[in-house]
């Protein structure tokens, strides 16, 4: 069995559902709660897993608290300077 995600144009939905109903012995439709709340759930999950893996294996640069504070200070100064552009 395979699970796939299908996007259906609004004007074709009824025809698609008729097809599914006529082949219900071979097709099961379930709603994915994750996708109901966030259509990009699985893409975001994959990105987060990648970030976790990189931080755990040391391939992601990690900042010290002091480095972070300095970077944020620069960021907010730049943001304020560009506020009126």
C-alpha atoms as a PDB file:
ATOM      1  CA  UNK A   1       0.000   0.000   0.000  1.00  0.00           C
ATOM      2  CA  UNK A   2       1.163   3.553  -0.745  1.00  0.00           C
ATOM      3  CA  UNK A   3       0.181   6.838   0.829  1.00  0.00           C
ATOM      4  CA  UNK A   4       0.169   9.969  -1.314  1.00  0.00           C
ATOM      5  CA  UNK A   5      -0.995  13.542  -1.039  1.00  0.00           C
ATOM      6  CA  UNK A   6      -3.342  14.754  -3.771  1.00  0.00           C
ATOM      7  CA  UNK A   7      -4.326  18.303  -4.594  1.00  0.00           C
ATOM      8  CA  UNK A   8      -7.630  18.625  -6.418  1.00  0.00           C
ATOM      9  CA  UNK A   9      -9.017  21.710  -8.040  1.00  0.00           C
ATOM     10  CA  UNK A  10     -12.323  22.789  -6.536  1.00  0.00           C
ATOM     11  CA  UNK A  11     -14.271  22.317  -9.752  1.00  0.00           C
ATOM     12  CA  UNK A  12     -13.021  18.716 -10.097  1.00  0.00           C
ATOM     13  CA  UNK A  13     -13.589  17.581  -6.508  1.00  0.00           C
ATOM     14  CA  UNK A  14     -17.000  15.989  -7.080  1.00  0.00           C
ATOM     15  CA  UNK A  15     -15.764  13.953 -10.069  1.00  0.00           C
ATOM     16  CA  UNK A  16     -12.768  12.831  -8.053  1.00  0.00           C
ATOM     17  CA  UNK A  17     -14.942  11.810  -5.100  1.00  0.00           C
ATOM     18  CA  UNK A  18     -17.236   9.873  -7.473  1.00  0.00           C
ATOM     19  CA  UNK A  19     -14.204   8.024  -8.798  1.00  0.00           C
ATOM     20  CA  UNK A  20     -13.010   7.246  -5.277  1.00  0.00           C
ATOM     21  CA  UNK A  21     -16.457   6.034  -4.255  1.00  0.00           C
ATOM     22  CA  UNK A  22     -16.617   3.766  -7.303  1.00  0.00           C
ATOM     23  CA  UNK A  23     -13.235   2.284  -6.385  1.00  0.00           C
ATOM     24  CA  UNK A  24     -13.606   2.277  -2.622  1.00  0.00           C
ATOM     25  CA  UNK A  25     -12.299  -1.280  -2.331  1.00  0.00           C
ATOM     26  CA  UNK A  26      -8.890  -0.022  -3.473  1.00  0.00           C
ATOM     27  CA  UNK A  27      -8.801   3.550  -2.137  1.00  0.00           C
ATOM     28  CA  UNK A  28      -9.076   4.865   1.404  1.00  0.00           C
ATOM     29  CA  UNK A  29      -9.256   8.578   2.145  1.00  0.00           C
ATOM     30  CA  UNK A  30      -8.249   9.923   5.535  1.00  0.00           C
ATOM     31  CA  UNK A  31      -7.678  13.493   6.624  1.00  0.00           C
ATOM     32  CA  UNK A  32      -4.226  14.320   7.895  1.00  0.00           C
ATOM     33  CA  UNK A  33      -4.711  16.500  10.973  1.00  0.00           C
ATOM     34  CA  UNK A  34      -1.167  17.844  10.639  1.00  0.00           C
ATOM     35  CA  UNK A  35      -1.937  19.196   7.174  1.00  0.00           C
ATOM     36  CA  UNK A  36      -5.264  20.645   8.285  1.00  0.00           C
ATOM     37  CA  UNK A  37      -3.446  22.914  10.749  1.00  0.00           C
ATOM     38  CA  UNK A  38      -0.348  23.566   8.639  1.00  0.00           C
ATOM     39  CA  UNK A  39      -0.225  22.744   4.922  1.00  0.00           C
ATOM     40  CA  UNK A  40       3.592  22.791   5.102  1.00  0.00           C
ATOM     41  CA  UNK A  41       3.822  20.565   8.194  1.00  0.00           C
ATOM     42  CA  UNK A  42       5.990  17.858   6.655  1.00  0.00           C
ATOM     43  CA  UNK A  43       8.361  20.308   4.948  1.00  0.00           C
ATOM     44  CA  UNK A  44       8.812  22.169   8.244  1.00  0.00           C
ATOM     45  CA  UNK A  45       9.277  18.890  10.112  1.00  0.00           C
ATOM     46  CA  UNK A  46      12.006  17.818   7.684  1.00  0.00           C
ATOM     47  CA  UNK A  47      13.781  21.186   8.055  1.00  0.00           C
ATOM     48  CA  UNK A  48      13.601  20.975  11.853  1.00  0.00           C
ATOM     49  CA  UNK A  49      14.982  17.437  11.836  1.00  0.00           C
ATOM     50  CA  UNK A  50      17.859  18.671   9.653  1.00  0.00           C
ATOM     51  CA  UNK A  51      18.597  21.536  12.070  1.00  0.00           C
ATOM     52  CA  UNK A  52      18.571  19.145  15.026  1.00  0.00           C
ATOM     53  CA  UNK A  53      20.880  16.714  13.238  1.00  0.00           C
ATOM     54  CA  UNK A  54      23.331  19.472  12.242  1.00  0.00           C
ATOM     55  CA  UNK A  55      23.395  20.908  15.755  1.00  0.00           C
ATOM     56  CA  UNK A  56      23.974  17.468  17.276  1.00  0.00           C
ATOM     57  CA  UNK A  57      26.718  16.384  14.868  1.00  0.00           C
ATOM     58  CA  UNK A  58      28.515  19.738  15.029  1.00  0.00           C
ATOM     59  CA  UNK A  59      28.132  20.807  11.393  1.00  0.00           C
ATOM     60  CA  UNK A  60      26.003  23.818  12.357  1.00  0.00           C
ATOM     61  CA  UNK A  61      27.783  26.837  13.732  1.00  0.00           C
ATOM     62  CA  UNK A  62      26.654  27.576  17.253  1.00  0.00           C
ATOM     63  CA  UNK A  63      27.070  31.030  18.787  1.00  0.00           C
ATOM     64  CA  UNK A  64      28.099  31.743  22.324  1.00  0.00           C
ATOM     65  CA  UNK A  65      25.747  33.892  24.356  1.00  0.00           C
ATOM     66  CA  UNK A  66      28.104  36.840  23.870  1.00  0.00           C
ATOM     67  CA  UNK A  67      28.251  36.325  20.093  1.00  0.00           C
ATOM     68  CA  UNK A  68      24.476  36.054  19.960  1.00  0.00           C
ATOM     69  CA  UNK A  69      24.026  39.252  21.993  1.00  0.00           C
ATOM     70  CA  UNK A  70      26.420  41.115  19.678  1.00  0.00           C
ATOM     71  CA  UNK A  71      24.696  39.826  16.538  1.00  0.00           C
ATOM     72  CA  UNK A  72      21.286  40.817  17.887  1.00  0.00           C
ATOM     73  CA  UNK A  73      22.523  44.271  18.850  1.00  0.00           C
ATOM     74  CA  UNK A  74      23.826  44.809  15.310  1.00  0.00           C
ATOM     75  CA  UNK A  75      20.589  43.466  13.849  1.00  0.00           C
ATOM     76  CA  UNK A  76      18.406  45.832  15.876  1.00  0.00           C
ATOM     77  CA  UNK A  77      20.647  48.801  15.085  1.00  0.00           C
ATOM     78  CA  UNK A  78      20.383  48.011  11.369  1.00  0.00           C
ATOM     79  CA  UNK A  79      16.648  47.534  11.688  1.00  0.00           C
ATOM     80  CA  UNK A  80      16.230  50.890  13.418  1.00  0.00           C
ATOM     81  CA  UNK A  81      18.516  52.619  10.866  1.00  0.00           C
ATOM     82  CA  UNK A  82      16.459  51.235   7.973  1.00  0.00           C
ATOM     83  CA  UNK A  83      13.113  51.913   9.651  1.00  0.00           C
ATOM     84  CA  UNK A  84      12.535  55.144   7.766  1.00  0.00           C
ATOM     85  CA  UNK A  85      13.579  53.960   4.284  1.00  0.00           C
END
